[in-house]
Full PDB file with SEQRES, HELIX, SHEET, SSBOND, CRYST1, ORIGX, SCALE, CONECT and MASTER records, all heavy atoms in Angstrom:
SEQRES   1 A   38  TRP MET ILE GLY SER LEU ILE VAL PHE GLY GLY PHE ALA          
SEQRES   2 A   38  LEU LEU ILE HIS GLU VAL THR ILE LEU ASN LEU LEU ILE          
SEQRES   3 A   38  GLY PHE LEU VAL GLY PHE GLY PHE LEU GLY MET GLN              
HELIX    1 AA1 MET A    2  ILE A   16  1                                  15    
HELIX    2 AA2 ILE A   21  MET A   37  1                                  17    
CRYST1    1.000    1.000    1.000  90.00  90.00  90.00 P 1           1          
ORIGX1      1.000000  0.000000  0.000000        0.00000                         
ORIGX2      0.000000  1.000000  0.000000        0.00000                         
ORIGX3      0.000000  0.000000  1.000000        0.00000                         
SCALE1      1.000000  0.000000  0.000000        0.00000                         
SCALE2      0.000000  1.000000  0.000000        0.00000                         
SCALE3      0.000000  0.000000  1.000000        0.00000                         
ATOM      1  N   TRP A   1     138.758  94.204 177.419  1.00  0.00           N  
ATOM      2  CA  TRP A   1     137.545  93.391 177.309  1.00  0.00           C  
ATOM      3  C   TRP A   1     137.673  92.127 178.157  1.00  0.00           C  
ATOM      4  O   TRP A   1     136.727  91.721 178.842  1.00  0.00           O  
ATOM      5  CB  TRP A   1     137.308  93.033 175.849  1.00  0.00           C  
ATOM      6  CG  TRP A   1     136.057  92.234 175.613  1.00  0.00           C  
ATOM      7  CD1 TRP A   1     135.856  90.893 175.858  1.00  0.00           C  
ATOM      8  CD2 TRP A   1     134.811  92.732 175.116  1.00  0.00           C  
ATOM      9  NE1 TRP A   1     134.582  90.522 175.535  1.00  0.00           N  
ATOM     10  CE2 TRP A   1     133.920  91.622 175.074  1.00  0.00           C  
ATOM     11  CE3 TRP A   1     134.372  93.971 174.685  1.00  0.00           C  
ATOM     12  CZ2 TRP A   1     132.602  91.745 174.620  1.00  0.00           C  
ATOM     13  CZ3 TRP A   1     133.068  94.095 174.243  1.00  0.00           C  
ATOM     14  CH2 TRP A   1     132.194  92.998 174.209  1.00  0.00           C  
ATOM     15  N   MET A   2     138.850  91.495 178.112  1.00  0.00           N  
ATOM     16  CA  MET A   2     139.043  90.242 178.851  1.00  0.00           C  
ATOM     17  C   MET A   2     139.052  90.468 180.357  1.00  0.00           C  
ATOM     18  O   MET A   2     138.556  89.626 181.121  1.00  0.00           O  
ATOM     19  CB  MET A   2     140.330  89.563 178.383  1.00  0.00           C  
ATOM     20  CG  MET A   2     140.219  88.997 176.976  1.00  0.00           C  
ATOM     21  SD  MET A   2     141.659  88.034 176.468  1.00  0.00           S  
ATOM     22  CE  MET A   2     142.882  89.335 176.295  1.00  0.00           C  
ATOM     23  N   ILE A   3     139.591  91.597 180.797  1.00  0.00           N  
ATOM     24  CA  ILE A   3     139.566  91.905 182.232  1.00  0.00           C  
ATOM     25  C   ILE A   3     138.132  92.099 182.706  1.00  0.00           C  
ATOM     26  O   ILE A   3     137.723  91.582 183.761  1.00  0.00           O  
ATOM     27  CB  ILE A   3     140.417  93.157 182.531  1.00  0.00           C  
ATOM     28  CG1 ILE A   3     141.900  92.864 182.271  1.00  0.00           C  
ATOM     29  CG2 ILE A   3     140.223  93.612 183.976  1.00  0.00           C  
ATOM     30  CD1 ILE A   3     142.804  94.073 182.371  1.00  0.00           C  
ATOM     31  N   GLY A   4     137.338  92.821 181.905  1.00  0.00           N  
ATOM     32  CA  GLY A   4     135.923  92.990 182.237  1.00  0.00           C  
ATOM     33  C   GLY A   4     135.190  91.659 182.238  1.00  0.00           C  
ATOM     34  O   GLY A   4     134.362  91.385 183.113  1.00  0.00           O  
ATOM     35  N   SER A   5     135.492  90.811 181.249  1.00  0.00           N  
ATOM     36  CA  SER A   5     134.868  89.492 181.161  1.00  0.00           C  
ATOM     37  C   SER A   5     135.239  88.627 182.360  1.00  0.00           C  
ATOM     38  O   SER A   5     134.422  87.859 182.878  1.00  0.00           O  
ATOM     39  CB  SER A   5     135.300  88.788 179.868  1.00  0.00           C  
ATOM     40  OG  SER A   5     134.886  89.498 178.739  1.00  0.00           O  
ATOM     41  N   LEU A   6     136.494  88.747 182.800  1.00  0.00           N  
ATOM     42  CA  LEU A   6     136.954  87.974 183.957  1.00  0.00           C  
ATOM     43  C   LEU A   6     136.124  88.323 185.196  1.00  0.00           C  
ATOM     44  O   LEU A   6     135.709  87.430 185.950  1.00  0.00           O  
ATOM     45  CB  LEU A   6     138.432  88.258 184.195  1.00  0.00           C  
ATOM     46  CG  LEU A   6     139.221  87.329 185.099  1.00  0.00           C  
ATOM     47  CD1 LEU A   6     140.698  87.421 184.772  1.00  0.00           C  
ATOM     48  CD2 LEU A   6     139.021  87.661 186.567  1.00  0.00           C  
ATOM     49  N   ILE A   7     135.873  89.602 185.394  1.00  0.00           N  
ATOM     50  CA  ILE A   7     135.082  90.046 186.551  1.00  0.00           C  
ATOM     51  C   ILE A   7     133.647  89.547 186.445  1.00  0.00           C  
ATOM     52  O   ILE A   7     133.087  88.979 187.396  1.00  0.00           O  
ATOM     53  CB  ILE A   7     135.116  91.578 186.666  1.00  0.00           C  
ATOM     54  CG1 ILE A   7     136.541  92.058 186.955  1.00  0.00           C  
ATOM     55  CG2 ILE A   7     134.157  92.061 187.759  1.00  0.00           C  
ATOM     56  CD1 ILE A   7     136.720  93.554 186.836  1.00  0.00           C  
ATOM     57  N   VAL A   8     133.046  89.731 185.268  1.00  0.00           N  
ATOM     58  CA  VAL A   8     131.637  89.364 185.077  1.00  0.00           C  
ATOM     59  C   VAL A   8     131.439  87.858 185.163  1.00  0.00           C  
ATOM     60  O   VAL A   8     130.609  87.361 185.938  1.00  0.00           O  
ATOM     61  CB  VAL A   8     131.120  89.886 183.722  1.00  0.00           C  
ATOM     62  CG1 VAL A   8     129.727  89.326 183.418  1.00  0.00           C  
ATOM     63  CG2 VAL A   8     131.086  91.406 183.721  1.00  0.00           C  
ATOM     64  N   PHE A   9     132.200  87.108 184.359  1.00  0.00           N  
ATOM     65  CA  PHE A   9     131.982  85.663 184.302  1.00  0.00           C  
ATOM     66  C   PHE A   9     132.583  84.936 185.503  1.00  0.00           C  
ATOM     67  O   PHE A   9     132.113  83.856 185.877  1.00  0.00           O  
ATOM     68  CB  PHE A   9     132.522  85.100 182.994  1.00  0.00           C  
ATOM     69  CG  PHE A   9     131.703  85.497 181.803  1.00  0.00           C  
ATOM     70  CD1 PHE A   9     132.149  86.491 180.940  1.00  0.00           C  
ATOM     71  CD2 PHE A   9     130.473  84.910 181.563  1.00  0.00           C  
ATOM     72  CE1 PHE A   9     131.383  86.870 179.851  1.00  0.00           C  
ATOM     73  CE2 PHE A   9     129.696  85.287 180.484  1.00  0.00           C  
ATOM     74  CZ  PHE A   9     130.145  86.272 179.617  1.00  0.00           C  
ATOM     75  N   GLY A  10     133.626  85.522 186.103  1.00  0.00           N  
ATOM     76  CA  GLY A  10     134.124  84.942 187.348  1.00  0.00           C  
ATOM     77  C   GLY A  10     133.067  85.001 188.439  1.00  0.00           C  
ATOM     78  O   GLY A  10     132.832  84.028 189.160  1.00  0.00           O  
ATOM     79  N   GLY A  11     132.403  86.160 188.547  1.00  0.00           N  
ATOM     80  CA  GLY A  11     131.311  86.290 189.515  1.00  0.00           C  
ATOM     81  C   GLY A  11     130.150  85.388 189.182  1.00  0.00           C  
ATOM     82  O   GLY A  11     129.541  84.762 190.074  1.00  0.00           O  
ATOM     83  N   PHE A  12     129.838  85.289 187.882  1.00  0.00           N  
ATOM     84  CA  PHE A  12     128.751  84.420 187.428  1.00  0.00           C  
ATOM     85  C   PHE A  12     129.072  82.964 187.786  1.00  0.00           C  
ATOM     86  O   PHE A  12     128.204  82.197 188.231  1.00  0.00           O  
ATOM     87  CB  PHE A  12     128.589  84.569 185.916  1.00  0.00           C  
ATOM     88  CG  PHE A  12     127.200  84.316 185.409  1.00  0.00           C  
ATOM     89  CD1 PHE A  12     126.804  84.802 184.169  1.00  0.00           C  
ATOM     90  CD2 PHE A  12     126.271  83.579 186.136  1.00  0.00           C  
ATOM     91  CE1 PHE A  12     125.533  84.579 183.674  1.00  0.00           C  
ATOM     92  CE2 PHE A  12     125.003  83.343 185.657  1.00  0.00           C  
ATOM     93  CZ  PHE A  12     124.628  83.835 184.431  1.00  0.00           C  
ATOM     94  N   ALA A  13     130.343  82.561 187.588  1.00  0.00           N  
ATOM     95  CA  ALA A  13     130.748  81.180 187.875  1.00  0.00           C  
ATOM     96  C   ALA A  13     130.611  80.849 189.354  1.00  0.00           C  
ATOM     97  O   ALA A  13     130.230  79.736 189.724  1.00  0.00           O  
ATOM     98  CB  ALA A  13     132.187  80.958 187.413  1.00  0.00           C  
ATOM     99  N   LEU A  14     130.916  81.816 190.219  1.00  0.00           N  
ATOM    100  CA  LEU A  14     130.768  81.585 191.660  1.00  0.00           C  
ATOM    101  C   LEU A  14     129.315  81.308 192.033  1.00  0.00           C  
ATOM    102  O   LEU A  14     129.033  80.505 192.928  1.00  0.00           O  
ATOM    103  CB  LEU A  14     131.276  82.808 192.432  1.00  0.00           C  
ATOM    104  CG  LEU A  14     132.787  83.055 192.410  1.00  0.00           C  
ATOM    105  CD1 LEU A  14     133.108  84.373 193.089  1.00  0.00           C  
ATOM    106  CD2 LEU A  14     133.533  81.909 193.081  1.00  0.00           C  
ATOM    107  N   LEU A  15     128.397  81.966 191.325  1.00  0.00           N  
ATOM    108  CA  LEU A  15     126.981  81.810 191.638  1.00  0.00           C  
ATOM    109  C   LEU A  15     126.339  80.605 190.955  1.00  0.00           C  
ATOM    110  O   LEU A  15     125.501  79.928 191.538  1.00  0.00           O  
ATOM    111  CB  LEU A  15     126.220  83.076 191.220  1.00  0.00           C  
ATOM    112  CG  LEU A  15     126.587  84.367 191.965  1.00  0.00           C  
ATOM    113  CD1 LEU A  15     125.878  85.552 191.329  1.00  0.00           C  
ATOM    114  CD2 LEU A  15     126.229  84.250 193.434  1.00  0.00           C  
ATOM    115  N   ILE A  16     126.751  80.342 189.725  1.00  0.00           N  
ATOM    116  CA  ILE A  16     126.046  79.361 188.902  1.00  0.00           C  
ATOM    117  C   ILE A  16     126.826  78.071 188.700  1.00  0.00           C  
ATOM    118  O   ILE A  16     126.273  76.972 188.771  1.00  0.00           O  
ATOM    119  CB  ILE A  16     125.719  79.959 187.513  1.00  0.00           C  
ATOM    120  CG1 ILE A  16     124.870  81.215 187.668  1.00  0.00           C  
ATOM    121  CG2 ILE A  16     125.013  78.943 186.628  1.00  0.00           C  
ATOM    122  CD1 ILE A  16     123.529  80.998 188.349  1.00  0.00           C  
ATOM    123  N   HIS A  17     128.122  78.197 188.466  1.00  0.00           N  
ATOM    124  CA  HIS A  17     128.909  77.058 187.992  1.00  0.00           C  
ATOM    125  C   HIS A  17     129.580  76.280 189.122  1.00  0.00           C  
ATOM    126  O   HIS A  17     130.425  75.417 188.875  1.00  0.00           O  
ATOM    127  CB  HIS A  17     129.961  77.551 186.990  1.00  0.00           C  
ATOM    128  CG  HIS A  17     130.519  76.472 186.118  1.00  0.00           C  
ATOM    129  ND1 HIS A  17     129.729  75.565 185.433  1.00  0.00           N  
ATOM    130  CD2 HIS A  17     131.807  76.155 185.803  1.00  0.00           C  
ATOM    131  CE1 HIS A  17     130.502  74.743 184.760  1.00  0.00           C  
ATOM    132  NE2 HIS A  17     131.768  75.079 184.954  1.00  0.00           N  
ATOM    133  N   GLU A  18     129.250  76.591 190.340  1.00  0.00           N  
ATOM    134  CA  GLU A  18     129.750  75.868 191.517  1.00  0.00           C  
ATOM    135  C   GLU A  18     131.276  75.912 191.617  1.00  0.00           C  
ATOM    136  O   GLU A  18     131.927  74.942 192.024  1.00  0.00           O  
ATOM    137  CB  GLU A  18     129.260  74.419 191.504  1.00  0.00           C  
ATOM    138  CG  GLU A  18     127.737  74.301 191.570  1.00  0.00           C  
ATOM    139  CD  GLU A  18     127.266  72.856 191.550  1.00  0.00           C  
ATOM    140  OE1 GLU A  18     128.107  71.959 191.381  1.00  0.00           O  
ATOM    141  OE2 GLU A  18     126.059  72.635 191.702  1.00  0.00           O  
ATOM    142  N   VAL A  19     131.855  77.029 191.224  1.00  0.00           N  
ATOM    143  CA  VAL A  19     133.300  77.241 191.382  1.00  0.00           C  
ATOM    144  C   VAL A  19     133.527  78.022 192.671  1.00  0.00           C  
ATOM    145  O   VAL A  19     132.902  79.054 192.897  1.00  0.00           O  
ATOM    146  CB  VAL A  19     133.871  78.032 190.177  1.00  0.00           C  
ATOM    147  CG1 VAL A  19     135.332  78.387 190.422  1.00  0.00           C  
ATOM    148  CG2 VAL A  19     133.725  77.217 188.902  1.00  0.00           C  
ATOM    149  N   THR A  20     134.396  77.514 193.547  1.00  0.00           N  
ATOM    150  CA  THR A  20     134.691  78.223 194.784  1.00  0.00           C  
ATOM    151  C   THR A  20     135.693  79.341 194.519  1.00  0.00           C  
ATOM    152  O   THR A  20     136.358  79.363 193.478  1.00  0.00           O  
ATOM    153  CB  THR A  20     135.269  77.264 195.836  1.00  0.00           C  
ATOM    154  OG1 THR A  20     136.550  76.795 195.382  1.00  0.00           O  
ATOM    155  CG2 THR A  20     134.344  76.076 196.055  1.00  0.00           C  
ATOM    156  N   ILE A  21     135.801  80.268 195.469  1.00  0.00           N  
ATOM    157  CA  ILE A  21     136.766  81.367 195.318  1.00  0.00           C  
ATOM    158  C   ILE A  21     138.185  80.827 195.200  1.00  0.00           C  
ATOM    159  O   ILE A  21     138.980  81.320 194.383  1.00  0.00           O  
ATOM    160  CB  ILE A  21     136.651  82.335 196.511  1.00  0.00           C  
ATOM    161  CG1 ILE A  21     135.296  83.050 196.484  1.00  0.00           C  
ATOM    162  CG2 ILE A  21     137.791  83.361 196.469  1.00  0.00           C  
ATOM    163  CD1 ILE A  21     135.079  83.990 197.643  1.00  0.00           C  
ATOM    164  N   LEU A  22     138.516  79.808 195.990  1.00  0.00           N  
ATOM    165  CA  LEU A  22     139.858  79.216 195.924  1.00  0.00           C  
ATOM    166  C   LEU A  22     140.105  78.595 194.551  1.00  0.00           C  
ATOM    167  O   LEU A  22     141.175  78.802 193.951  1.00  0.00           O  
ATOM    168  CB  LEU A  22     140.024  78.162 197.013  1.00  0.00           C  
ATOM    169  CG  LEU A  22     141.390  77.473 197.068  1.00  0.00           C  
ATOM    170  CD1 LEU A  22     142.505  78.493 197.304  1.00  0.00           C  
ATOM    171  CD2 LEU A  22     141.408  76.384 198.145  1.00  0.00           C  
ATOM    172  N   ASN A  23     139.117  77.838 194.042  1.00  0.00           N  
ATOM    173  CA  ASN A  23     139.262  77.246 192.712  1.00  0.00           C  
ATOM    174  C   ASN A  23     139.414  78.315 191.644  1.00  0.00           C  
ATOM    175  O   ASN A  23     140.189  78.166 190.690  1.00  0.00           O  
ATOM    176  CB  ASN A  23     138.042  76.371 192.389  1.00  0.00           C  
ATOM    177  CG  ASN A  23     138.142  75.002 193.028  1.00  0.00           C  
ATOM    178  OD1 ASN A  23     139.200  74.608 193.491  1.00  0.00           O  
ATOM    179  ND2 ASN A  23     137.042  74.275 193.054  1.00  0.00           N  
ATOM    180  N   LEU A  24     138.654  79.391 191.798  1.00  0.00           N  
ATOM    181  CA  LEU A  24     138.718  80.498 190.836  1.00  0.00           C  
ATOM    182  C   LEU A  24     140.119  81.110 190.830  1.00  0.00           C  
ATOM    183  O   LEU A  24     140.701  81.324 189.765  1.00  0.00           O  
ATOM    184  CB  LEU A  24     137.662  81.545 191.177  1.00  0.00           C  
ATOM    185  CG  LEU A  24     137.470  82.740 190.226  1.00  0.00           C  
ATOM    186  CD1 LEU A  24     136.043  83.254 190.302  1.00  0.00           C  
ATOM    187  CD2 LEU A  24     138.431  83.887 190.545  1.00  0.00           C  
ATOM    188  N   LEU A  25     140.658  81.387 192.010  1.00  0.00           N  
ATOM    189  CA  LEU A  25     141.980  82.009 192.109  1.00  0.00           C  
ATOM    190  C   LEU A  25     143.074  81.091 191.566  1.00  0.00           C  
ATOM    191  O   LEU A  25     143.960  81.540 190.828  1.00  0.00           O  
ATOM    192  CB  LEU A  25     142.272  82.380 193.560  1.00  0.00           C  
ATOM    193  CG  LEU A  25     141.450  83.542 194.128  1.00  0.00           C  
ATOM    194  CD1 LEU A  25     141.730  83.704 195.615  1.00  0.00           C  
ATOM    195  CD2 LEU A  25     141.761  84.839 193.377  1.00  0.00           C  
ATOM    196  N   ILE A  26     142.997  79.810 191.928  1.00  0.00           N  
ATOM    197  CA  ILE A  26     144.011  78.869 191.436  1.00  0.00           C  
ATOM    198  C   ILE A  26     143.912  78.741 189.917  1.00  0.00           C  
ATOM    199  O   ILE A  26     144.918  78.741 189.207  1.00  0.00           O  
ATOM    200  CB  ILE A  26     143.859  77.486 192.109  1.00  0.00           C  
ATOM    201  CG1 ILE A  26     144.149  77.597 193.606  1.00  0.00           C  
ATOM    202  CG2 ILE A  26     144.792  76.472 191.448  1.00  0.00           C  
ATOM    203  CD1 ILE A  26     143.911  76.313 194.367  1.00  0.00           C  
ATOM    204  N   GLY A  27     142.678  78.639 189.416  1.00  0.00           N  
ATOM    205  CA  GLY A  27     142.473  78.531 187.977  1.00  0.00           C  
ATOM    206  C   GLY A  27     143.033  79.736 187.238  1.00  0.00           C  
ATOM    207  O   GLY A  27     143.700  79.598 186.206  1.00  0.00           O  
ATOM    208  N   PHE A  28     142.773  80.930 187.776  1.00  0.00           N  
ATOM    209  CA  PHE A  28     143.300  82.145 187.151  1.00  0.00           C  
ATOM    210  C   PHE A  28     144.823  82.146 187.152  1.00  0.00           C  
ATOM    211  O   PHE A  28     145.465  82.433 186.138  1.00  0.00           O  
ATOM    212  CB  PHE A  28     142.782  83.386 187.871  1.00  0.00           C  
ATOM    213  CG  PHE A  28     143.457  84.659 187.427  1.00  0.00           C  
ATOM    214  CD1 PHE A  28     143.097  85.267 186.239  1.00  0.00           C  
ATOM    215  CD2 PHE A  28     144.485  85.221 188.190  1.00  0.00           C  
ATOM    216  CE1 PHE A  28     143.743  86.436 185.805  1.00  0.00           C  
ATOM    217  CE2 PHE A  28     145.125  86.382 187.772  1.00  0.00           C  
ATOM    218  CZ  PHE A  28     144.746  86.983 186.579  1.00  0.00           C  
ATOM    219  N   LEU A  29     145.419  81.831 188.307  1.00  0.00           N  
ATOM    220  CA  LEU A  29     146.877  81.859 188.429  1.00  0.00           C  
ATOM    221  C   LEU A  29     147.545  80.840 187.514  1.00  0.00           C  
ATOM    222  O   LEU A  29     148.588  81.123 186.911  1.00  0.00           O  
ATOM    223  CB  LEU A  29     147.286  81.616 189.886  1.00  0.00           C  
ATOM    224  CG  LEU A  29     146.938  82.748 190.866  1.00  0.00           C  
ATOM    225  CD1 LEU A  29     147.235  82.324 192.292  1.00  0.00           C  
ATOM    226  CD2 LEU A  29     147.700  84.021 190.515  1.00  0.00           C  
ATOM    227  N   VAL A  30     146.924  79.655 187.391  1.00  0.00           N  
ATOM    228  CA  VAL A  30     147.496  78.625 186.510  1.00  0.00           C  
ATOM    229  C   VAL A  30     147.382  79.067 185.048  1.00  0.00           C  
ATOM    230  O   VAL A  30     148.355  79.003 184.287  1.00  0.00           O  
ATOM    231  CB  VAL A  30     146.790  77.274 186.723  1.00  0.00           C  
ATOM    232  CG1 VAL A  30     147.213  76.275 185.642  1.00  0.00           C  
ATOM    233  CG2 VAL A  30     147.122  76.706 188.098  1.00  0.00           C  
ATOM    234  N   GLY A  31     146.180  79.502 184.646  1.00  0.00           N  
ATOM    235  CA  GLY A  31     145.987  79.907 183.253  1.00  0.00           C  
ATOM    236  C   GLY A  31     146.837  81.100 182.873  1.00  0.00           C  
ATOM    237  O   GLY A  31     147.533  81.094 181.849  1.00  0.00           O  
ATOM    238  N   PHE A  32     146.823  82.136 183.711  1.00  0.00           N  
ATOM    239  CA  PHE A  32     147.597  83.343 183.426  1.00  0.00           C  
ATOM    240  C   PHE A  32     149.091  83.086 183.579  1.00  0.00           C  
ATOM    241  O   PHE A  32     149.902  83.503 182.742  1.00  0.00           O  
ATOM    242  CB  PHE A  32     147.168  84.469 184.360  1.00  0.00           C  
ATOM    243  CG  PHE A  32     147.843  85.788 184.084  1.00  0.00           C  
ATOM    244  CD1 PHE A  32     147.326  86.660 183.149  1.00  0.00           C  
ATOM    245  CD2 PHE A  32     149.017  86.143 184.749  1.00  0.00           C  
ATOM    246  CE1 PHE A  32     147.959  87.869 182.878  1.00  0.00           C  
ATOM    247  CE2 PHE A  32     149.649  87.341 184.483  1.00  0.00           C  
ATOM    248  CZ  PHE A  32     149.119  88.214 183.548  1.00  0.00           C  
ATOM    249  N   GLY A  33     149.458  82.374 184.654  1.00  0.00           N  
ATOM    250  CA  GLY A  33     150.869  82.154 184.938  1.00  0.00           C  
ATOM    251  C   GLY A  33     151.558  81.270 183.912  1.00  0.00           C  
ATOM    252  O   GLY A  33     152.670  81.567 183.466  1.00  0.00           O  
ATOM    253  N   PHE A  34     150.898  80.195 183.517  1.00  0.00           N  
ATOM    254  CA  PHE A  34     151.506  79.262 182.569  1.00  0.00           C  
ATOM    255  C   PHE A  34     151.748  79.939 181.222  1.00  0.00           C  
ATOM    256  O   PHE A  34     152.841  79.841 180.647  1.00  0.00           O  
ATOM    257  CB  PHE A  34     150.591  78.049 182.391  1.00  0.00           C  
ATOM    258  CG  PHE A  34     151.109  77.031 181.403  1.00  0.00           C  
ATOM    259  CD1 PHE A  34     152.201  76.243 181.718  1.00  0.00           C  
ATOM    260  CD2 PHE A  34     150.505  76.872 180.164  1.00  0.00           C  
ATOM    261  CE1 PHE A  34     152.688  75.310 180.805  1.00  0.00           C  
ATOM    262  CE2 PHE A  34     150.983  75.944 179.248  1.00  0.00           C  
ATOM    263  CZ  PHE A  34     152.077  75.161 179.572  1.00  0.00           C  
ATOM    264  N   LEU A  35     150.743  80.652 180.719  1.00  0.00           N  
ATOM    265  CA  LEU A  35     150.889  81.331 179.432  1.00  0.00           C  
ATOM    266  C   LEU A  35     151.761  82.582 179.549  1.00  0.00           C  
ATOM    267  O   LEU A  35     152.516  82.910 178.635  1.00  0.00           O  
ATOM    268  CB  LEU A  35     149.515  81.683 178.869  1.00  0.00           C  
ATOM    269  CG  LEU A  35     148.630  80.478 178.538  1.00  0.00           C  
ATOM    270  CD1 LEU A  35     147.238  80.918 178.114  1.00  0.00           C  
ATOM    271  CD2 LEU A  35     149.266  79.618 177.452  1.00  0.00           C  
ATOM    272  N   GLY A  36     151.663  83.249 180.702  1.00  0.00           N  
ATOM    273  CA  GLY A  36     152.508  84.422 180.918  1.00  0.00           C  
ATOM    274  C   GLY A  36     153.974  84.057 180.943  1.00  0.00           C  
ATOM    275  O   GLY A  36     154.825  84.816 180.451  1.00  0.00           O  
ATOM    276  N   MET A  37     154.283  82.905 181.512  1.00  0.00           N  
ATOM    277  CA  MET A  37     155.667  82.438 181.546  1.00  0.00           C  
ATOM    278  C   MET A  37     156.185  82.187 180.131  1.00  0.00           C  
ATOM    279  O   MET A  37     157.317  82.544 179.798  1.00  0.00           O  
ATOM    280  CB  MET A  37     155.763  81.156 182.375  1.00  0.00           C  
ATOM    281  CG  MET A  37     157.162  80.584 182.493  1.00  0.00           C  
ATOM    282  SD  MET A  37     157.203  79.131 183.577  1.00  0.00           S  
ATOM    283  CE  MET A  37     156.151  78.004 182.658  1.00  0.00           C  
ATOM    284  N   GLN A  38     155.346  81.597 179.281  1.00  0.00           N  
ATOM    285  CA  GLN A  38     155.757  81.357 177.895  1.00  0.00           C  
ATOM    286  C   GLN A  38     155.979  82.669 177.151  1.00  0.00           C  
ATOM    287  O   GLN A  38     156.929  82.792 176.369  1.00  0.00           O  
ATOM    288  CB  GLN A  38     154.687  80.539 177.168  1.00  0.00           C  
ATOM    289  CG  GLN A  38     154.556  79.118 177.669  1.00  0.00           C  
ATOM    290  CD  GLN A  38     153.582  78.334 176.835  1.00  0.00           C  
ATOM    291  OE1 GLN A  38     153.742  78.202 175.628  1.00  0.00           O  
ATOM    292  NE2 GLN A  38     152.542  77.823 177.466  1.00  0.00           N  
TER     293      GLN A  38                                                      
MASTER        0    0    0    2    0    0    0    6  292    1    0    3          
END                                                                             
């Protein structure tokens, strides 16, 4: 469900929330990486 949500809302954020592709990728890597490391 979360992977599907990531695709849907990530795309939505690029169109609506003024998030750039670079910001999206960095945000994903920080969120996933920080918690994944723990």
